[in-house]
Amino acid sequence: MTHYLGIDVGGTNVKAAVVGDDGGVKAFVQRRWSGGEPYELVSVATELADVVVAEVTEGPVACGVGCAGIVAHDLGVVRRSPNLPTWHDVRLAEMLGKQIALPMIIDNDANAAAYAEYLVGAARDATSAVVITLGTGMGAGIILNGSVYHGNHGFAGEIGHTTVDMSSRTPCACGGSGCLEPLVNAESLVSRALSHIERETSSSLGGSTEGLTARDIGVAAAEGDKAALAAVDELGRALGVGLANITALLDPEVIVIGGGVAEVGLLLLDSARNELVRRTSRCRENLPRVAPAVLGPAAGVVGAALLARDEFLR
């Protein structure tokens, strides 16, 4: 079996894995990383690559990298990244290639995760898919006719920065307001839950609001907690608005939802589906399937490795 190296660069973690040509993970490691200069990332990524390569008997033949931000994938350049504010036109493929000494391809991290879910995950066997990652922000990758759709300048998939409320003054990380992302990210879910806890004093979450997570809220909602249920339903309906917009624009076969916020579980997806149906009643019989992601934290490294596989096997 041929092996490929996958690296996933985020604002808080760097991950590396050796992945087989079937998408199976042979070795995996991750390290907390609070962001820094490109040369620091190269050092961390190279160390992690050495760790996972040492765990397999047959070394990788190519490397794929997923990086948060606007990526010129054809040039191997990270144009800019909200998670890495000092990065501007970083020639990451060239820098990493000098240290790792493998053929190198770089793409946006959400695109890499989407490619993995499309090939070996929840969107397997679909012809078109949109894979959404909900966490600190909102990322998405678009798969059309078996390939990642990048758009003309690499901006495709920035669904979180579509405007859903022109009157809103809620700021977004992109510098605008009225965007979908601040309505459906992790901060929004916790904020909604805290607001309902104040009114629902009998909530099981009332005594443990410090450090409250999406998983905590999901567990409480599954147990029938009214404050948690209301927060999940509100966020799900906001997400459903985004799904309706995606459907109107792209008409994908499947929309996959992953990321930390998705740990809330099926209650969130049910609420989002209901809103999607309500807003697209004219085409209700032909709506996309909405499914939870299945690859978890490894999606980015698996997708990056498979992007390398398909780039260098042409």
Protein backbone atom coordinates (compact mmCIF):
# COMPACT_ATOMS: atom_id res chain seq x y z
CA MET A 1 0.00 0.00 0.00
CA THR A 2 1.25 3.47 -0.89
CA HIS A 3 1.36 6.02 1.94
CA TYR A 4 0.85 9.79 1.95
CA LEU A 5 1.59 12.43 4.56
CA GLY A 6 -1.20 14.77 5.64
CA ILE A 7 -0.70 17.95 7.70
CA ASP A 8 -3.50 20.13 9.10
CA VAL A 9 -2.63 23.66 10.26
CA GLY A 10 -5.15 25.51 12.42
CA GLY A 11 -5.05 28.41 14.80
CA THR A 12 -4.80 26.21 17.91
CA ASN A 13 -3.53 22.81 16.71
CA VAL A 14 -1.20 21.28 14.15
CA LYS A 15 -1.89 17.66 13.16
CA ALA A 16 0.03 15.18 11.05
CA ALA A 17 -0.80 11.69 9.83
CA VAL A 18 0.41 8.99 7.51
CA VAL A 19 -2.56 7.89 5.42
CA GLY A 20 -2.92 4.90 3.12
CA ASP A 21 -4.21 5.25 -0.41
CA ASP A 22 -7.53 3.89 0.86
CA GLY A 23 -7.88 6.80 3.31
CA GLY A 24 -6.99 4.75 6.39
CA VAL A 25 -4.92 6.48 9.06
CA LYS A 26 -1.72 4.56 9.83
CA ALA A 27 -0.21 7.02 12.31
CA PHE A 28 -1.53 10.26 13.80
CA VAL A 29 -0.23 12.99 16.12
CA GLN A 30 -1.29 16.48 17.07
CA ARG A 31 0.16 19.33 19.09
CA ARG A 32 -1.30 22.47 20.58
CA TRP A 33 -0.06 25.54 18.76
CA SER A 34 -1.19 29.08 19.45
CA GLY A 35 -0.11 30.43 16.08
CA GLY A 36 3.12 32.17 15.17
CA GLU A 37 5.40 33.01 12.31
CA PRO A 38 5.61 30.72 9.26
CA TYR A 39 9.09 29.46 10.16
CA GLU A 40 7.73 28.34 13.56
CA LEU A 41 4.97 26.37 11.85
CA VAL A 42 7.49 24.74 9.52
CA SER A 43 9.51 23.61 12.53
CA VAL A 44 6.48 22.17 14.35
CA ALA A 45 5.07 20.48 11.24
CA THR A 46 8.44 18.95 10.39
CA GLU A 47 8.80 17.51 13.90
CA LEU A 48 5.31 16.00 13.77
CA ALA A 49 5.95 14.60 10.31
CA ASP A 50 9.08 12.89 11.59
CA VAL A 51 7.08 11.34 14.44
CA VAL A 52 4.37 9.78 12.26
CA VAL A 53 6.74 8.68 9.48
CA ALA A 54 8.84 6.83 12.08
CA GLU A 55 5.76 4.78 13.01
CA VAL A 56 5.28 3.18 9.57
CA THR A 57 7.49 0.76 7.69
CA GLU A 58 6.92 2.34 4.30
CA GLY A 59 7.41 6.11 4.08
CA PRO A 60 5.01 8.49 2.32
CA VAL A 61 5.55 9.45 -1.31
CA ALA A 62 3.84 12.87 -1.24
CA CYS A 63 2.48 15.40 1.25
CA GLY A 64 -0.75 17.37 1.40
CA VAL A 65 -1.31 20.32 3.72
CA GLY A 66 -4.58 21.90 4.80
CA CYS A 67 -4.23 25.40 6.22
CA ALA A 68 -6.84 27.76 7.60
CA GLY A 69 -7.19 30.86 5.45
CA ILE A 70 -7.24 31.97 1.84
CA VAL A 71 -4.96 29.62 -0.06
CA ALA A 72 -3.76 29.90 -3.64
CA HIS A 73 -3.57 26.12 -3.99
CA ASP A 74 -2.09 26.21 -7.49
CA LEU A 75 0.83 28.32 -6.23
CA GLY A 76 1.27 26.71 -2.82
CA VAL A 77 0.78 30.12 -1.17
CA VAL A 78 -1.24 31.08 1.91
CA ARG A 79 -2.53 34.54 1.01
CA ARG A 80 -3.82 35.36 4.50
CA SER A 81 -5.48 33.71 7.46
CA PRO A 82 -7.70 35.15 10.21
CA ASN A 83 -6.22 32.56 12.59
CA LEU A 84 -2.65 33.52 11.65
CA PRO A 85 -2.77 37.32 11.40
CA THR A 86 0.92 37.85 10.57
CA TRP A 87 0.77 35.55 7.54
CA HIS A 88 0.67 37.31 4.17
CA ASP A 89 1.52 35.57 0.89
CA VAL A 90 3.44 32.81 2.66
CA ARG A 91 5.02 30.34 0.22
CA LEU A 92 4.23 27.44 2.51
CA ALA A 93 4.62 24.63 -0.02
CA GLU A 94 8.13 25.78 -0.84
CA MET A 95 9.10 26.26 2.81
CA LEU A 96 7.77 22.88 3.95
CA GLY A 97 9.08 21.11 0.87
CA LYS A 98 12.63 22.09 1.73
CA GLN A 99 12.32 20.40 5.13
CA ILE A 100 10.10 17.41 4.38
CA ALA A 101 11.49 16.71 0.90
CA LEU A 102 8.28 15.37 -0.65
CA PRO A 103 6.10 16.57 -3.51
CA MET A 104 3.80 19.07 -1.81
CA ILE A 105 0.26 20.35 -2.34
CA ILE A 106 -1.53 22.91 -0.14
CA ASP A 107 -5.21 23.78 0.13
CA ASN A 108 -7.62 25.40 2.55
CA ASP A 109 -8.26 23.22 5.60
CA ALA A 110 -12.03 23.15 5.07
CA ASN A 111 -11.50 21.98 1.49
CA ALA A 112 -9.25 19.20 2.75
CA ALA A 113 -11.84 18.08 5.31
CA ALA A 114 -14.55 18.20 2.67
CA TYR A 115 -12.50 16.07 0.30
CA ALA A 116 -12.06 13.43 3.00
CA GLU A 117 -15.75 13.29 3.86
CA TYR A 118 -16.55 13.10 0.14
CA LEU A 119 -14.17 10.23 -0.59
CA VAL A 120 -14.31 8.09 2.56
CA GLY A 121 -16.82 9.73 4.89
CA ALA A 122 -20.43 10.87 5.15
CA ALA A 123 -20.63 12.09 1.52
CA ARG A 124 -19.13 8.96 0.02
CA ASP A 125 -20.68 8.04 -3.36
CA ALA A 126 -22.27 11.49 -3.76
CA THR A 127 -21.61 13.47 -6.94
CA SER A 128 -21.76 16.84 -5.19
CA ALA A 129 -21.43 17.84 -1.55
CA VAL A 130 -20.94 20.78 0.78
CA VAL A 131 -19.11 19.96 4.00
CA ILE A 132 -19.50 22.50 6.81
CA THR A 133 -17.25 22.72 9.86
CA LEU A 134 -18.75 24.55 12.84
CA GLY A 135 -16.44 25.58 15.64
CA THR A 136 -14.80 28.86 16.59
CA GLY A 137 -15.75 29.91 13.08
CA MET A 138 -17.63 28.40 10.17
CA GLY A 139 -15.74 26.81 7.30
CA ALA A 140 -17.02 24.95 4.28
CA GLY A 141 -15.68 22.99 1.36
CA ILE A 142 -17.56 22.47 -1.89
CA ILE A 143 -17.23 19.32 -4.00
CA LEU A 144 -18.66 19.49 -7.52
CA ASN A 145 -18.38 16.59 -9.96
CA GLY A 146 -15.72 14.93 -7.84
CA SER A 147 -13.39 17.92 -7.44
CA VAL A 148 -12.90 20.67 -4.89
CA TYR A 149 -14.44 23.90 -6.19
CA HIS A 150 -12.10 26.79 -5.37
CA GLY A 151 -13.71 29.68 -7.23
CA ASN A 152 -11.79 32.23 -9.25
CA HIS A 153 -9.65 33.53 -6.37
CA GLY A 154 -9.84 30.70 -3.83
CA PHE A 155 -12.72 32.29 -1.90
CA ALA A 156 -15.35 29.63 -2.65
CA GLY A 157 -16.87 28.04 0.43
CA GLU A 158 -16.84 31.14 2.66
CA ILE A 159 -20.45 30.41 3.56
CA GLY A 160 -20.04 31.80 7.06
CA HIS A 161 -19.47 35.23 5.57
CA THR A 162 -22.65 35.35 3.54
CA THR A 163 -24.96 38.12 4.79
CA VAL A 164 -28.14 36.84 6.41
CA ASP A 165 -29.23 39.97 8.31
CA MET A 166 -28.61 43.38 6.74
CA SER A 167 -29.86 45.17 9.86
CA SER A 168 -27.55 43.33 12.26
CA ARG A 169 -24.64 45.12 13.90
CA THR A 170 -23.17 41.92 15.31
CA PRO A 171 -19.51 42.04 14.27
CA CYS A 172 -17.91 39.16 12.41
CA ALA A 173 -14.27 38.10 12.32
CA CYS A 174 -14.16 39.10 8.66
CA GLY A 175 -14.73 42.74 9.64
CA GLY A 176 -18.31 42.86 8.41
CA SER A 177 -21.64 42.46 10.15
CA GLY A 178 -24.80 40.49 9.54
CA CYS A 179 -22.83 37.36 8.61
CA LEU A 180 -23.99 33.81 9.25
CA GLU A 181 -20.85 32.73 11.14
CA PRO A 182 -21.41 34.65 14.42
CA LEU A 183 -24.95 33.24 14.54
CA VAL A 184 -23.89 29.58 14.39
CA ASN A 185 -20.41 29.33 15.90
CA ALA A 186 -19.47 27.94 19.31
CA GLU A 187 -19.59 31.33 21.01
CA SER A 188 -23.12 31.88 19.75
CA LEU A 189 -24.33 28.53 21.07
CA VAL A 190 -22.91 29.20 24.55
CA SER A 191 -24.29 32.74 24.55
CA ARG A 192 -27.74 31.49 23.61
CA ALA A 193 -27.61 28.84 26.32
CA LEU A 194 -26.55 31.34 28.98
CA SER A 195 -29.38 33.66 27.98
CA HIS A 196 -31.95 30.89 28.40
CA ILE A 197 -30.38 29.69 31.66
CA GLU A 198 -31.00 33.15 33.14
CA ARG A 199 -34.70 32.77 32.38
CA GLU A 200 -34.92 29.03 33.11
CA THR A 201 -33.52 28.88 36.62
CA SER A 202 -34.18 25.16 36.96
CA SER A 203 -31.74 24.35 34.14
CA SER A 204 -29.26 21.58 34.89
CA LEU A 205 -26.58 23.84 33.41
CA GLY A 206 -27.18 26.61 35.92
CA GLY A 207 -24.37 25.68 38.27
CA SER A 208 -21.72 24.89 35.66
CA THR A 209 -21.72 27.73 33.16
CA GLU A 210 -17.99 28.47 33.41
CA GLY A 211 -16.24 26.63 30.62
CA LEU A 212 -19.56 25.57 29.11
CA THR A 213 -19.06 23.67 25.83
CA ALA A 214 -21.19 22.57 22.90
CA ARG A 215 -20.95 18.99 24.13
CA ASP A 216 -22.29 20.04 27.59
CA ILE A 217 -25.22 21.79 25.97
CA GLY A 218 -25.91 18.83 23.71
CA VAL A 219 -25.95 16.39 26.62
CA ALA A 220 -28.32 18.65 28.59
CA ALA A 221 -30.59 19.06 25.56
CA ALA A 222 -30.73 15.29 25.03
CA GLU A 223 -31.82 14.96 28.67
CA GLY A 224 -34.66 17.43 28.08
CA ASP A 225 -33.15 20.56 29.65
CA LYS A 226 -35.39 23.42 28.44
CA ALA A 227 -32.65 26.07 28.30
CA ALA A 228 -30.33 23.80 26.33
CA LEU A 229 -33.12 22.72 23.99
CA ALA A 230 -34.04 26.33 23.25
CA ALA A 231 -30.43 27.27 22.53
CA VAL A 232 -29.91 24.29 20.24
CA ASP A 233 -33.16 24.99 18.39
CA GLU A 234 -32.29 28.66 17.87
CA LEU A 235 -28.84 27.89 16.54
CA GLY A 236 -30.22 25.06 14.40
CA ARG A 237 -32.74 27.38 12.79
CA ALA A 238 -30.00 29.91 12.02
CA LEU A 239 -27.93 27.11 10.48
CA GLY A 240 -30.98 26.04 8.48
CA VAL A 241 -31.10 29.49 6.89
CA GLY A 242 -27.55 28.91 5.68
CA LEU A 243 -28.46 25.45 4.38
CA ALA A 244 -31.39 26.92 2.45
CA ASN A 245 -29.07 29.47 0.83
CA ILE A 246 -26.59 26.72 -0.07
CA THR A 247 -29.40 24.67 -1.59
CA ALA A 248 -30.68 27.58 -3.64
CA LEU A 249 -27.20 28.33 -5.00
CA LEU A 250 -25.64 24.89 -5.46
CA ASP A 251 -28.35 22.22 -5.13
CA PRO A 252 -25.87 19.68 -3.68
CA GLU A 253 -26.70 16.03 -3.19
CA VAL A 254 -25.61 16.08 0.45
CA ILE A 255 -24.65 18.66 3.09
CA VAL A 256 -22.39 17.31 5.83
CA ILE A 257 -22.10 19.05 9.22
CA GLY A 258 -19.01 18.57 11.39
CA GLY A 259 -16.82 20.42 13.88
CA GLY A 260 -17.05 21.06 17.60
CA VAL A 261 -20.52 22.63 17.53
CA ALA A 262 -21.84 19.57 15.68
CA GLU A 263 -21.05 17.57 18.85
CA VAL A 264 -24.45 18.83 20.04
CA GLY A 265 -25.76 15.94 17.95
CA LEU A 266 -28.85 15.10 15.97
CA LEU A 267 -31.08 17.62 17.76
CA LEU A 268 -29.12 20.40 16.06
CA LEU A 269 -29.32 18.73 12.65
CA ASP A 270 -33.06 18.10 13.07
CA SER A 271 -33.67 21.78 13.79
CA ALA A 272 -31.53 22.80 10.81
CA ARG A 273 -33.33 20.33 8.52
CA ASN A 274 -36.72 21.63 9.61
CA GLU A 275 -35.71 25.20 8.81
CA LEU A 276 -34.26 24.11 5.48
CA VAL A 277 -37.56 22.43 4.58
CA ARG A 278 -39.58 25.44 5.71
CA ARG A 279 -37.57 27.81 3.54
CA THR A 280 -37.43 25.60 0.45
CA SER A 281 -40.95 24.17 0.38
CA ARG A 282 -41.23 24.69 -3.39
CA CYS A 283 -38.55 22.04 -3.97
CA ARG A 284 -39.12 19.88 -0.90
CA GLU A 285 -38.98 16.60 -2.82
CA ASN A 286 -35.47 17.34 -4.09
CA LEU A 287 -33.67 18.66 -1.04
CA PRO A 288 -30.11 17.61 -0.17
CA ARG A 289 -29.53 15.00 2.45
CA VAL A 290 -28.19 16.55 5.68
CA ALA A 291 -25.79 14.25 7.51
CA PRO A 292 -23.33 14.41 10.42
CA ALA A 293 -19.63 14.19 9.59
CA VAL A 294 -18.03 10.86 10.47
CA LEU A 295 -14.26 11.41 10.30
CA GLY A 296 -13.94 13.68 13.31
CA PRO A 297 -10.62 15.44 14.07
CA ALA A 298 -8.77 13.39 11.45
CA ALA A 299 -10.79 14.73 8.51
CA GLY A 300 -8.31 17.50 7.68
CA VAL A 301 -5.20 15.33 7.60
CA VAL A 302 -6.95 12.52 5.71
CA GLY A 303 -8.26 14.95 3.12
CA ALA A 304 -4.89 16.66 2.73
CA ALA A 305 -3.19 13.30 2.19
CA LEU A 306 -5.80 12.23 -0.36
CA LEU A 307 -5.45 15.53 -2.20
CA ALA A 308 -1.74 14.73 -2.51
CA ARG A 309 -2.55 11.22 -3.68
CA ASP A 310 -4.84 12.43 -6.44
CA GLU A 311 -2.56 15.33 -7.45
CA PHE A 312 0.55 13.25 -7.92
CA LEU A 313 -1.05 10.12 -9.32
CA ARG A 314 -2.34 11.96 -12.37
